PDB file of N, CA and C in Angstrom:
ATOM      1  N   MET A   1     114.554 119.552  94.636  1.00  0.00           N
ATOM      2  CA  MET A   1     113.961 118.212  94.530  1.00  0.00           C
ATOM      3  C   MET A   1     114.743 117.341  95.528  1.00  0.00           C
ATOM      4  N   LYS A   2     114.356 116.065  95.562  1.00  0.00           N
ATOM      5  CA  LYS A   2     114.878 115.082  96.537  1.00  0.00           C
ATOM      6  C   LYS A   2     116.193 114.473  96.077  1.00  0.00           C
ATOM      7  N   LYS A   3     117.211 114.594  96.949  1.00  0.00           N
ATOM      8  CA  LYS A   3     118.509 113.982  96.650  1.00  0.00           C
ATOM      9  C   LYS A   3     118.358 112.480  96.887  1.00  0.00           C
ATOM     10  N   THR A   4     118.568 111.701  95.871  1.00  0.00           N
ATOM     11  CA  THR A   4     118.341 110.293  95.834  1.00  0.00           C
ATOM     12  C   THR A   4     119.581 109.519  95.507  1.00  0.00           C
ATOM     13  N   ILE A   5     119.909 108.562  96.232  1.00  0.00           N
ATOM     14  CA  ILE A   5     120.990 107.534  95.967  1.00  0.00           C
ATOM     15  C   ILE A   5     120.319 106.334  95.340  1.00  0.00           C
ATOM     16  N   VAL A   6     120.803 105.963  94.115  1.00  0.00           N
ATOM     17  CA  VAL A   6     120.356 104.676  93.550  1.00  0.00           C
ATOM     18  C   VAL A   6     121.453 103.693  93.926  1.00  0.00           C
ATOM     19  N   LEU A   7     121.089 102.850  94.909  1.00  0.00           N
ATOM     20  CA  LEU A   7     122.152 101.845  95.417  1.00  0.00           C
ATOM     21  C   LEU A   7     121.915 100.563  94.705  1.00  0.00           C
ATOM     22  N   GLY A   8     122.922 100.117  93.924  1.00  0.00           N
ATOM     23  CA  GLY A   8     122.832  98.896  93.015  1.00  0.00           C
ATOM     24  C   GLY A   8     122.810  99.429  91.643  1.00  0.00           C
ATOM     25  N   ALA A   9     123.289 100.610  91.351  1.00  0.00           N
ATOM     26  CA  ALA A   9     123.356 101.250  89.996  1.00  0.00           C
ATOM     27  C   ALA A   9     124.218 100.424  89.139  1.00  0.00           C
ATOM     28  N   THR A  10     123.906 100.432  87.880  1.00  0.00           N
ATOM     29  CA  THR A  10     124.718  99.606  86.924  1.00  0.00           C
ATOM     30  C   THR A  10     124.732 100.278  85.557  1.00  0.00           C
ATOM     31  N   PRO A  11     125.759 100.201  84.783  1.00  0.00           N
ATOM     32  CA  PRO A  11     125.784 100.769  83.452  1.00  0.00           C
ATOM     33  C   PRO A  11     124.977  99.982  82.398  1.00  0.00           C
ATOM     34  N   ASN A  12     124.349  98.894  82.842  1.00  0.00           N
ATOM     35  CA  ASN A  12     123.523  98.008  81.883  1.00  0.00           C
ATOM     36  C   ASN A  12     122.204  98.664  81.657  1.00  0.00           C
ATOM     37  N   PRO A  13     121.886  99.150  80.517  1.00  0.00           N
ATOM     38  CA  PRO A  13     120.616  99.840  80.205  1.00  0.00           C
ATOM     39  C   PRO A  13     119.414  98.900  80.356  1.00  0.00           C
ATOM     40  N   ALA A  14     119.562  97.677  80.365  1.00  0.00           N
ATOM     41  CA  ALA A  14     118.482  96.710  80.511  1.00  0.00           C
ATOM     42  C   ALA A  14     117.935  96.544  81.958  1.00  0.00           C
ATOM     43  N   ARG A  15     118.733  97.148  82.915  1.00  0.00           N
ATOM     44  CA  ARG A  15     118.348  97.000  84.347  1.00  0.00           C
ATOM     45  C   ARG A  15     117.508  98.050  84.840  1.00  0.00           C
ATOM     46  N   PHE A  16     116.606  97.825  85.776  1.00  0.00           N
ATOM     47  CA  PHE A  16     115.706  98.845  86.312  1.00  0.00           C
ATOM     48  C   PHE A  16     116.470  99.920  87.087  1.00  0.00           C
ATOM     49  N   ALA A  17     117.619  99.631  87.727  1.00  0.00           N
ATOM     50  CA  ALA A  17     118.323 100.671  88.470  1.00  0.00           C
ATOM     51  C   ALA A  17     118.811 101.707  87.476  1.00  0.00           C
ATOM     52  N   TYR A  18     119.221 101.275  86.197  1.00  0.00           N
ATOM     53  CA  TYR A  18     119.662 102.231  85.191  1.00  0.00           C
ATOM     54  C   TYR A  18     118.422 103.159  84.738  1.00  0.00           C
ATOM     55  N   LEU A  19     117.328 102.502  84.584  1.00  0.00           N
ATOM     56  CA  LEU A  19     116.168 103.235  84.121  1.00  0.00           C
ATOM     57  C   LEU A  19     115.728 104.244  85.254  1.00  0.00           C
ATOM     58  N   ALA A  20     115.729 103.773  86.445  1.00  0.00           N
ATOM     59  CA  ALA A  20     115.315 104.594  87.613  1.00  0.00           C
ATOM     60  C   ALA A  20     116.194 105.835  87.731  1.00  0.00           C
ATOM     61  N   THR A  21     117.581 105.693  87.484  1.00  0.00           N
ATOM     62  CA  THR A  21     118.457 106.798  87.592  1.00  0.00           C
ATOM     63  C   THR A  21     118.088 107.829  86.478  1.00  0.00           C
ATOM     64  N   LEU A  22     117.848 107.341  85.240  1.00  0.00           N
ATOM     65  CA  LEU A  22     117.493 108.291  84.218  1.00  0.00           C
ATOM     66  C   LEU A  22     116.152 109.009  84.511  1.00  0.00           C
ATOM     67  N   ARG A  23     115.196 108.281  84.939  1.00  0.00           N
ATOM     68  CA  ARG A  23     113.831 108.835  85.160  1.00  0.00           C
ATOM     69  C   ARG A  23     113.809 109.823  86.347  1.00  0.00           C
ATOM     70  N   LEU A  24     114.620 109.434  87.400  1.00  0.00           N
ATOM     71  CA  LEU A  24     114.735 110.398  88.522  1.00  0.00           C
ATOM     72  C   LEU A  24     115.287 111.704  88.050  1.00  0.00           C
ATOM     73  N   ALA A  25     116.328 111.655  87.185  1.00  0.00           N
ATOM     74  CA  ALA A  25     116.958 112.859  86.721  1.00  0.00           C
ATOM     75  C   ALA A  25     115.957 113.611  85.864  1.00  0.00           C
ATOM     76  N   GLN A  26     115.207 112.900  85.013  1.00  0.00           N
ATOM     77  CA  GLN A  26     114.219 113.550  84.124  1.00  0.00           C
ATOM     78  C   GLN A  26     113.123 114.300  84.947  1.00  0.00           C
ATOM     79  N   HIS A  27     112.866 113.826  86.167  1.00  0.00           N
ATOM     80  CA  HIS A  27     111.867 114.388  87.078  1.00  0.00           C
ATOM     81  C   HIS A  27     112.487 115.484  87.853  1.00  0.00           C
ATOM     82  N   GLY A  28     113.761 115.783  87.626  1.00  0.00           N
ATOM     83  CA  GLY A  28     114.346 116.912  88.334  1.00  0.00           C
ATOM     84  C   GLY A  28     114.980 116.562  89.714  1.00  0.00           C
ATOM     85  N   HIS A  29     115.119 115.282  90.000  1.00  0.00           N
ATOM     86  CA  HIS A  29     115.835 114.885  91.275  1.00  0.00           C
ATOM     87  C   HIS A  29     117.266 114.918  91.166  1.00  0.00           C
ATOM     88  N   GLU A  30     117.918 115.267  92.208  1.00  0.00           N
ATOM     89  CA  GLU A  30     119.416 115.123  92.288  1.00  0.00           C
ATOM     90  C   GLU A  30     119.646 113.649  92.450  1.00  0.00           C
ATOM     91  N   VAL A  31     120.229 112.902  91.553  1.00  0.00           N
ATOM     92  CA  VAL A  31     120.443 111.518  91.719  1.00  0.00           C
ATOM     93  C   VAL A  31     121.903 111.086  91.686  1.00  0.00           C
ATOM     94  N   ILE A  32     122.243 110.257  92.566  1.00  0.00           N
ATOM     95  CA  ILE A  32     123.652 109.816  92.687  1.00  0.00           C
ATOM     96  C   ILE A  32     123.641 108.275  92.483  1.00  0.00           C
ATOM     97  N   PRO A  33     124.171 107.719  91.409  1.00  0.00           N
ATOM     98  CA  PRO A  33     124.162 106.343  91.273  1.00  0.00           C
ATOM     99  C   PRO A  33     125.405 105.782  92.041  1.00  0.00           C
ATOM    100  N   VAL A  34     125.207 104.644  92.762  1.00  0.00           N
ATOM    101  CA  VAL A  34     126.240 104.006  93.557  1.00  0.00           C
ATOM    102  C   VAL A  34     126.135 102.556  93.186  1.00  0.00           C
ATOM    103  N   GLY A  35     127.259 102.040  92.835  1.00  0.00           N
ATOM    104  CA  GLY A  35     127.263 100.542  92.444  1.00  0.00           C
ATOM    105  C   GLY A  35     128.675  99.989  92.476  1.00  0.00           C
ATOM    106  N   ILE A  36     128.829  98.751  92.138  1.00  0.00           N
ATOM    107  CA  ILE A  36     130.048  98.066  92.127  1.00  0.00           C
ATOM    108  C   ILE A  36     130.767  98.092  90.748  1.00  0.00           C
ATOM    109  N   ARG A  37     129.979  98.353  89.731  1.00  0.00           N
ATOM    110  CA  ARG A  37     130.608  98.417  88.356  1.00  0.00           C
ATOM    111  C   ARG A  37     130.861  99.801  87.889  1.00  0.00           C
ATOM    112  N   GLN A  38     132.022 100.028  87.390  1.00  0.00           N
ATOM    113  CA  GLN A  38     132.288 101.396  86.862  1.00  0.00           C
ATOM    114  C   GLN A  38     131.509 101.650  85.598  1.00  0.00           C
ATOM    115  N   GLY A  39     131.249 102.875  85.329  1.00  0.00           N
ATOM    116  CA  GLY A  39     130.569 103.268  84.176  1.00  0.00           C
ATOM    117  C   GLY A  39     129.756 104.502  84.430  1.00  0.00           C
ATOM    118  N   ALA A  40     128.823 104.760  83.533  1.00  0.00           N
ATOM    119  CA  ALA A  40     127.967 105.967  83.636  1.00  0.00           C
ATOM    120  C   ALA A  40     126.542 105.667  83.302  1.00  0.00           C
ATOM    121  N   ILE A  41     125.606 106.426  83.769  1.00  0.00           N
ATOM    122  CA  ILE A  41     124.247 106.396  83.398  1.00  0.00           C
ATOM    123  C   ILE A  41     123.886 107.748  82.932  1.00  0.00           C
ATOM    124  N   GLY A  42     123.723 107.918  81.625  1.00  0.00           N
ATOM    125  CA  GLY A  42     123.515 109.234  81.097  1.00  0.00           C
ATOM    126  C   GLY A  42     124.868 110.044  81.349  1.00  0.00           C
ATOM    127  N   ASP A  43     124.751 111.201  81.921  1.00  0.00           N
ATOM    128  CA  ASP A  43     125.929 112.001  82.186  1.00  0.00           C
ATOM    129  C   ASP A  43     126.380 111.868  83.728  1.00  0.00           C
ATOM    130  N   ARG A  44     125.906 110.863  84.404  1.00  0.00           N
ATOM    131  CA  ARG A  44     126.242 110.616  85.672  1.00  0.00           C
ATOM    132  C   ARG A  44     127.231 109.376  85.907  1.00  0.00           C
ATOM    133  N   GLU A  45     128.321 109.694  86.467  1.00  0.00           N
ATOM    134  CA  GLU A  45     129.263 108.580  86.745  1.00  0.00           C
ATOM    135  C   GLU A  45     128.746 107.789  87.943  1.00  0.00           C
ATOM    136  N   ILE A  46     128.845 106.445  87.785  1.00  0.00           N
ATOM    137  CA  ILE A  46     128.494 105.585  88.922  1.00  0.00           C
ATOM    138  C   ILE A  46     129.590 105.545  89.913  1.00  0.00           C
ATOM    139  N   GLN A  47     129.290 106.030  91.165  1.00  0.00           N
ATOM    140  CA  GLN A  47     130.235 106.015  92.209  1.00  0.00           C
ATOM    141  C   GLN A  47     130.322 104.635  92.846  1.00  0.00           C
ATOM    142  N   SER A  48     131.602 104.280  93.175  1.00  0.00           N
ATOM    143  CA  SER A  48     131.820 103.009  93.768  1.00  0.00           C
ATOM    144  C   SER A  48     132.083 103.171  95.270  1.00  0.00           C
ATOM    145  N   GLY A  49     132.080 102.079  95.969  1.00  0.00           N
ATOM    146  CA  GLY A  49     132.358 102.012  97.400  1.00  0.00           C
ATOM    147  C   GLY A  49     131.174 102.560  98.168  1.00  0.00           C
ATOM    148  N   MET A  50     131.388 103.319  99.203  1.00  0.00           N
ATOM    149  CA  MET A  50     130.463 103.904 100.064  1.00  0.00           C
ATOM    150  C   MET A  50     130.681 105.398 100.169  1.00  0.00           C
ATOM    151  N   PRO A  51     130.435 106.167  99.247  1.00  0.00           N
ATOM    152  CA  PRO A  51     130.652 107.596  99.315  1.00  0.00           C
ATOM    153  C   PRO A  51     129.798 108.272 100.322  1.00  0.00           C
ATOM    154  N   MET A  52     130.396 109.141 101.130  1.00  0.00           N
ATOM    155  CA  MET A  52     129.643 109.774 102.141  1.00  0.00           C
ATOM    156  C   MET A  52     128.960 111.069 101.420  1.00  0.00           C
ATOM    157  N   ILE A  53     127.625 111.065 101.557  1.00  0.00           N
ATOM    158  CA  ILE A  53     126.900 112.135 100.791  1.00  0.00           C
ATOM    159  C   ILE A  53     125.978 112.738 101.824  1.00  0.00           C
ATOM    160  N   GLU A  54     125.935 114.044 101.831  1.00  0.00           N
ATOM    161  CA  GLU A  54     125.201 114.827 102.817  1.00  0.00           C
ATOM    162  C   GLU A  54     123.781 115.091 102.228  1.00  0.00           C
ATOM    163  N   GLY A  55     122.813 115.252 103.150  1.00  0.00           N
ATOM    164  CA  GLY A  55     121.486 115.672 102.764  1.00  0.00           C
ATOM    165  C   GLY A  55     120.683 114.700 101.835  1.00  0.00           C
ATOM    166  N   VAL A  56     120.905 113.433 102.078  1.00  0.00           N
ATOM    167  CA  VAL A  56     120.160 112.341 101.344  1.00  0.00           C
ATOM    168  C   VAL A  56     118.726 112.306 101.833  1.00  0.00           C
ATOM    169  N   ASP A  57     117.812 112.392 100.949  1.00  0.00           N
ATOM    170  CA  ASP A  57     116.378 112.255 101.192  1.00  0.00           C
ATOM    171  C   ASP A  57     116.013 110.816 101.057  1.00  0.00           C
ATOM    172  N   THR A  58     116.451 110.211 100.031  1.00  0.00           N
ATOM    173  CA  THR A  58     115.950 108.819  99.644  1.00  0.00           C
ATOM    174  C   THR A  58     117.070 107.890  99.211  1.00  0.00           C
ATOM    175  N   ILE A  59     117.118 106.711  99.655  1.00  0.00           N
ATOM    176  CA  ILE A  59     117.907 105.642  99.068  1.00  0.00           C
ATOM    177  C   ILE A  59     116.911 104.672  98.373  1.00  0.00           C
ATOM    178  N   THR A  60     117.070 104.521  97.117  1.00  0.00           N
ATOM    179  CA  THR A  60     116.165 103.569  96.420  1.00  0.00           C
ATOM    180  C   THR A  60     117.046 102.381  96.061  1.00  0.00           C
ATOM    181  N   LEU A  61     116.642 101.224  96.591  1.00  0.00           N
ATOM    182  CA  LEU A  61     117.516 100.081  96.713  1.00  0.00           C
ATOM    183  C   LEU A  61     117.212  99.044  95.585  1.00  0.00           C
ATOM    184  N   TYR A  62     118.323  98.703  94.875  1.00  0.00           N
ATOM    185  CA  TYR A  62     118.180  97.713  93.816  1.00  0.00           C
ATOM    186  C   TYR A  62     119.236  96.632  93.919  1.00  0.00           C
ATOM    187  N   LEU A  63     119.403  96.149  95.248  1.00  0.00           N
ATOM    188  CA  LEU A  63     120.256  95.068  95.579  1.00  0.00           C
ATOM    189  C   LEU A  63     119.506  93.867  96.219  1.00  0.00           C
ATOM    190  N   GLN A  64     119.796  92.687  95.808  1.00  0.00           N
ATOM    191  CA  GLN A  64     119.190  91.544  96.445  1.00  0.00           C
ATOM    192  C   GLN A  64     119.623  91.471  97.888  1.00  0.00           C
ATOM    193  N   VAL A  65     118.805  90.828  98.729  1.00  0.00           N
ATOM    194  CA  VAL A  65     119.081  90.727 100.117  1.00  0.00           C
ATOM    195  C   VAL A  65     120.500  90.324 100.474  1.00  0.00           C
ATOM    196  N   GLY A  66     121.025  89.350  99.780  1.00  0.00           N
ATOM    197  CA  GLY A  66     122.335  88.801 100.073  1.00  0.00           C
ATOM    198  C   GLY A  66     123.455  89.831  99.892  1.00  0.00           C
ATOM    199  N   ARG A  67     123.227  90.765  99.004  1.00  0.00           N
ATOM    200  CA  ARG A  67     124.249  91.816  98.787  1.00  0.00           C
ATOM    201  C   ARG A  67     124.078  93.125  99.601  1.00  0.00           C
ATOM    202  N   GLN A  68     122.924  93.144 100.390  1.00  0.00           N
ATOM    203  CA  GLN A  68     122.682  94.369 101.198  1.00  0.00           C
ATOM    204  C   GLN A  68     123.428  94.486 102.410  1.00  0.00           C
ATOM    205  N   LYS A  69     123.744  93.308 103.074  1.00  0.00           N
ATOM    206  CA  LYS A  69     124.252  93.332 104.446  1.00  0.00           C
ATOM    207  C   LYS A  69     125.522  94.181 104.544  1.00  0.00           C
ATOM    208  N   VAL A  70     126.416  94.203 103.622  1.00  0.00           N
ATOM    209  CA  VAL A  70     127.681  95.022 103.608  1.00  0.00           C
ATOM    210  C   VAL A  70     127.342  96.497 103.707  1.00  0.00           C
ATOM    211  N   TYR A  71     126.178  96.890 103.251  1.00  0.00           N
ATOM    212  CA  TYR A  71     125.730  98.266 103.081  1.00  0.00           C
ATOM    213  C   TYR A  71     124.915  98.768 104.258  1.00  0.00           C
ATOM    214  N   TYR A  72     124.485  97.927 105.231  1.00  0.00           N
ATOM    215  CA  TYR A  72     123.617  98.294 106.351  1.00  0.00           C
ATOM    216  C   TYR A  72     124.093  99.501 107.053  1.00  0.00           C
ATOM    217  N   ASP A  73     125.344  99.480 107.534  1.00  0.00           N
ATOM    218  CA  ASP A  73     125.878 100.629 108.331  1.00  0.00           C
ATOM    219  C   ASP A  73     125.973 101.906 107.483  1.00  0.00           C
ATOM    220  N   TYR A  74     126.418 101.661 106.224  1.00  0.00           N
ATOM    221  CA  TYR A  74     126.546 102.783 105.296  1.00  0.00           C
ATOM    222  C   TYR A  74     125.202 103.462 105.119  1.00  0.00           C
ATOM    223  N   MET A  75     124.167 102.724 104.754  1.00  0.00           N
ATOM    224  CA  MET A  75     122.846 103.329 104.497  1.00  0.00           C
ATOM    225  C   MET A  75     122.361 104.049 105.741  1.00  0.00           C
ATOM    226  N   LEU A  76     122.505 103.419 106.926  1.00  0.00           N
ATOM    227  CA  LEU A  76     122.000 104.013 108.119  1.00  0.00           C
ATOM    228  C   LEU A  76     122.761 105.276 108.457  1.00  0.00           C
ATOM    229  N   SER A  77     124.114 105.275 108.135  1.00  0.00           N
ATOM    230  CA  SER A  77     124.919 106.392 108.493  1.00  0.00           C
ATOM    231  C   SER A  77     124.557 107.720 107.657  1.00  0.00           C
ATOM    232  N   LEU A  78     124.016 107.453 106.444  1.00  0.00           N
ATOM    233  CA  LEU A  78     123.606 108.615 105.631  1.00  0.00           C
ATOM    234  C   LEU A  78     122.373 109.289 106.191  1.00  0.00           C
ATOM    235  N   LYS A  79     121.681 108.688 107.063  1.00  0.00           N
ATOM    236  CA  LYS A  79     120.432 109.251 107.678  1.00  0.00           C
ATOM    237  C   LYS A  79     119.429 109.758 106.642  1.00  0.00           C
ATOM    238  N   PRO A  80     119.096 108.833 105.656  1.00  0.00           N
ATOM    239  CA  PRO A  80     118.064 109.262 104.715  1.00  0.00           C
ATOM    240  C   PRO A  80     116.662 109.420 105.388  1.00  0.00           C
ATOM    241  N   LYS A  81     115.779 110.138 104.772  1.00  0.00           N
ATOM    242  CA  LYS A  81     114.439 110.203 105.350  1.00  0.00           C
ATOM    243  C   LYS A  81     113.710 108.990 104.965  1.00  0.00           C
ATOM    244  N   ARG A  82     114.089 108.291 103.916  1.00  0.00           N
ATOM    245  CA  ARG A  82     113.353 107.007 103.563  1.00  0.00           C
ATOM    246  C   ARG A  82     114.271 106.099 102.729  1.00  0.00           C
ATOM    247  N   ILE A  83     113.922 104.779 102.762  1.00  0.00           N
ATOM    248  CA  ILE A  83     114.526 103.848 101.934  1.00  0.00           C
ATOM    249  C   ILE A  83     113.449 103.106 101.178  1.00  0.00           C
ATOM    250  N   ILE A  84     113.573 103.106  99.875  1.00  0.00           N
ATOM    251  CA  ILE A  84     112.512 102.363  98.964  1.00  0.00           C
ATOM    252  C   ILE A  84     113.153 101.052  98.588  1.00  0.00           C
ATOM    253  N   PHE A  85     112.480  99.950  99.023  1.00  0.00           N
ATOM    254  CA  PHE A  85     112.892  98.608  98.625  1.00  0.00           C
ATOM    255  C   PHE A  85     112.081  98.219  97.363  1.00  0.00           C
ATOM    256  N   ASN A  86     112.810  98.260  96.308  1.00  0.00           N
ATOM    257  CA  ASN A  86     112.215  97.980  94.969  1.00  0.00           C
ATOM    258  C   ASN A  86     111.956  96.498  94.862  1.00  0.00           C
ATOM    259  N   PRO A  87     111.156  95.962  93.962  1.00  0.00           N
ATOM    260  CA  PRO A  87     110.874  94.591  93.884  1.00  0.00           C
ATOM    261  C   PRO A  87     112.207  93.683  93.801  1.00  0.00           C
ATOM    262  N   GLY A  88     112.253  92.752  94.579  1.00  0.00           N
ATOM    263  CA  GLY A  88     113.491  91.871  94.636  1.00  0.00           C
ATOM    264  C   GLY A  88     114.449  92.321  95.715  1.00  0.00           C
ATOM    265  N   ALA A  89     114.271  93.520  96.354  1.00  0.00           N
ATOM    266  CA  ALA A  89     115.141  94.044  97.324  1.00  0.00           C
ATOM    267  C   ALA A  89     114.514  94.021  98.715  1.00  0.00           C
ATOM    268  N   GLU A  90     113.331  93.458  98.860  1.00  0.00           N
ATOM    269  CA  GLU A  90     112.688  93.370 100.129  1.00  0.00           C
ATOM    270  C   GLU A  90     113.538  92.728 101.193  1.00  0.00           C
ATOM    271  N   ASN A  91     113.603  93.314 102.429  1.00  0.00           N
ATOM    272  CA  ASN A  91     114.437  92.837 103.464  1.00  0.00           C
ATOM    273  C   ASN A  91     113.966  93.236 104.784  1.00  0.00           C
ATOM    274  N   PRO A  92     113.194  92.325 105.491  1.00  0.00           N
ATOM    275  CA  PRO A  92     112.606  92.624 106.787  1.00  0.00           C
ATOM    276  C   PRO A  92     113.602  93.089 107.833  1.00  0.00           C
ATOM    277  N   GLU A  93     114.804  92.432 107.822  1.00  0.00           N
ATOM    278  CA  GLU A  93     115.818  92.765 108.794  1.00  0.00           C
ATOM    279  C   GLU A  93     116.262  94.260 108.652  1.00  0.00           C
ATOM    280  N   LEU A  94     116.448  94.665 107.455  1.00  0.00           N
ATOM    281  CA  LEU A  94     116.883  96.096 107.157  1.00  0.00           C
ATOM    282  C   LEU A  94     115.726  97.070 107.439  1.00  0.00           C
ATOM    283  N   VAL A  95     114.503  96.604 107.101  1.00  0.00           N
ATOM    284  CA  VAL A  95     113.345  97.468 107.428  1.00  0.00           C
ATOM    285  C   VAL A  95     113.293  97.717 108.954  1.00  0.00           C
ATOM    286  N   GLN A  96     113.453  96.687 109.778  1.00  0.00           N
ATOM    287  CA  GLN A  96     113.425  96.780 111.179  1.00  0.00           C
ATOM    288  C   GLN A  96     114.543  97.774 111.645  1.00  0.00           C
ATOM    289  N   MET A  97     115.748  97.669 111.152  1.00  0.00           N
ATOM    290  CA  MET A  97     116.856  98.510 111.572  1.00  0.00           C
ATOM    291  C   MET A  97     116.626  99.921 111.131  1.00  0.00           C
ATOM    292  N   ALA A  98     116.139 100.156 109.959  1.00  0.00           N
ATOM    293  CA  ALA A  98     115.875 101.526 109.468  1.00  0.00           C
ATOM    294  C   ALA A  98     114.742 102.199 110.266  1.00  0.00           C
ATOM    295  N   GLU A  99     113.698 101.420 110.519  1.00  0.00           N
ATOM    296  CA  GLU A  99     112.620 102.050 111.230  1.00  0.00           C
ATOM    297  C   GLU A  99     113.059 102.400 112.756  1.00  0.00           C
ATOM    298  N   ALA A 100     113.886 101.477 113.325  1.00  0.00           N
ATOM    299  CA  ALA A 100     114.352 101.802 114.648  1.00  0.00           C
ATOM    300  C   ALA A 100     115.142 103.072 114.677  1.00  0.00           C
ATOM    301  N   ALA A 101     115.848 103.370 113.504  1.00  0.00           N
ATOM    302  CA  ALA A 101     116.590 104.586 113.409  1.00  0.00           C
ATOM    303  C   ALA A 101     115.762 105.831 112.915  1.00  0.00           C
ATOM    304  N   GLY A 102     114.468 105.641 112.817  1.00  0.00           N
ATOM    305  CA  GLY A 102     113.657 106.729 112.450  1.00  0.00           C
ATOM    306  C   GLY A 102     113.556 106.961 110.982  1.00  0.00           C
ATOM    307  N   ILE A 103     113.903 105.916 110.119  1.00  0.00           N
ATOM    308  CA  ILE A 103     113.885 106.098 108.741  1.00  0.00           C
ATOM    309  C   ILE A 103     112.641 105.443 108.176  1.00  0.00           C
ATOM    310  N   GLU A 104     111.914 106.101 107.322  1.00  0.00           N
ATOM    311  CA  GLU A 104     110.702 105.583 106.730  1.00  0.00           C
ATOM    312  C   GLU A 104     111.189 104.528 105.699  1.00  0.00           C
ATOM    313  N   THR A 105     110.321 103.392 105.599  1.00  0.00           N
ATOM    314  CA  THR A 105     110.681 102.387 104.652  1.00  0.00           C
ATOM    315  C   THR A 105     109.400 102.171 103.768  1.00  0.00           C
ATOM    316  N   LEU A 106     109.687 101.856 102.558  1.00  0.00           N
ATOM    317  CA  LEU A 106     108.620 101.518 101.575  1.00  0.00           C
ATOM    318  C   LEU A 106     108.945 100.336 100.760  1.00  0.00           C
ATOM    319  N   GLU A 107     108.072  99.407 100.621  1.00  0.00           N
ATOM    320  CA  GLU A 107     108.197  98.345  99.628  1.00  0.00           C
ATOM    321  C   GLU A 107     107.400  98.810  98.419  1.00  0.00           C
ATOM    322  N   ALA A 108     108.220  99.319  97.420  1.00  0.00           N
ATOM    323  CA  ALA A 108     107.513  99.929  96.245  1.00  0.00           C
ATOM    324  C   ALA A 108     108.456  99.938  95.087  1.00  0.00           C
ATOM    325  N   CYS A 109     107.960 100.415  93.976  1.00  0.00           N
ATOM    326  CA  CYS A 109     108.754 100.509  92.778  1.00  0.00           C
ATOM    327  C   CYS A 109     108.996 101.949  92.431  1.00  0.00           C
ATOM    328  N   THR A 110     110.223 102.399  92.403  1.00  0.00           N
ATOM    329  CA  THR A 110     110.545 103.794  92.080  1.00  0.00           C
ATOM    330  C   THR A 110     109.959 104.281  90.832  1.00  0.00           C
ATOM    331  N   LEU A 111     110.068 103.379  89.772  1.00  0.00           N
ATOM    332  CA  LEU A 111     109.570 103.792  88.457  1.00  0.00           C
ATOM    333  C   LEU A 111     108.058 103.953  88.487  1.00  0.00           C
ATOM    334  N   VAL A 112     107.384 103.181  89.158  1.00  0.00           N
ATOM    335  CA  VAL A 112     105.805 103.280  89.240  1.00  0.00           C
ATOM    336  C   VAL A 112     105.488 104.576  90.060  1.00  0.00           C
ATOM    337  N   MET A 113     106.285 104.753  91.106  1.00  0.00           N
ATOM    338  CA  MET A 113     106.022 105.967  91.938  1.00  0.00           C
ATOM    339  C   MET A 113     106.232 107.228  91.139  1.00  0.00           C
ATOM    340  N   LEU A 114     107.253 107.307  90.268  1.00  0.00           N
ATOM    341  CA  LEU A 114     107.455 108.452  89.453  1.00  0.00           C
ATOM    342  C   LEU A 114     106.374 108.588  88.391  1.00  0.00           C
ATOM    343  N   SER A 115     105.974 107.492  87.836  1.00  0.00           N
ATOM    344  CA  SER A 115     105.035 107.540  86.756  1.00  0.00           C
ATOM    345  C   SER A 115     103.610 107.955  87.226  1.00  0.00           C
ATOM    346  N   ILE A 116     103.284 107.713  88.503  1.00  0.00           N
ATOM    347  CA  ILE A 116     101.968 108.185  89.004  1.00  0.00           C
ATOM    348  C   ILE A 116     102.056 109.470  89.827  1.00  0.00           C
ATOM    349  N   GLY A 117     103.277 109.938  90.019  1.00  0.00           N
ATOM    350  CA  GLY A 117     103.469 111.296  90.567  1.00  0.00           C
ATOM    351  C   GLY A 117     103.474 111.205  92.181  1.00  0.00           C
ATOM    352  N   ASN A 118     103.756 110.096  92.746  1.00  0.00           N
ATOM    353  CA  ASN A 118     103.846 110.107  94.254  1.00  0.00           C
ATOM    354  C   ASN A 118     105.199 109.774  94.769  1.00  0.00           C
ATOM    355  N   TYR A 119     106.227 110.069  94.036  1.00  0.00           N
ATOM    356  CA  TYR A 119     107.551 109.871  94.492  1.00  0.00           C
ATOM    357  C   TYR A 119     107.926 110.868  95.581  1.00  0.00           C
TER     358      TYR A 119
END
């Protein structure tokens, strides 16, 4: 299945990034939560900083535009096949940079994509 980084992961169960991490795992995807807060989502520890991860298929983004800029080079360096901009994370500047690097971009909701089977 698709190796996915949930960028903006949080141990707060009321947040969509938390739910997306759980649902991705339930659908059999290898999911790596990355965030600024320590903690866990299910049995997965949230990784902090900018861990170098090989073979990333998807970055699903749960960060507001103002918090994304420090991650631009990191995201592009992982060379994912696609970046999903979840609601509230839309960013035309990063879309342009990603597409110039040959990375597919989607403005979509990971949870909806999983629920209708088009993730």
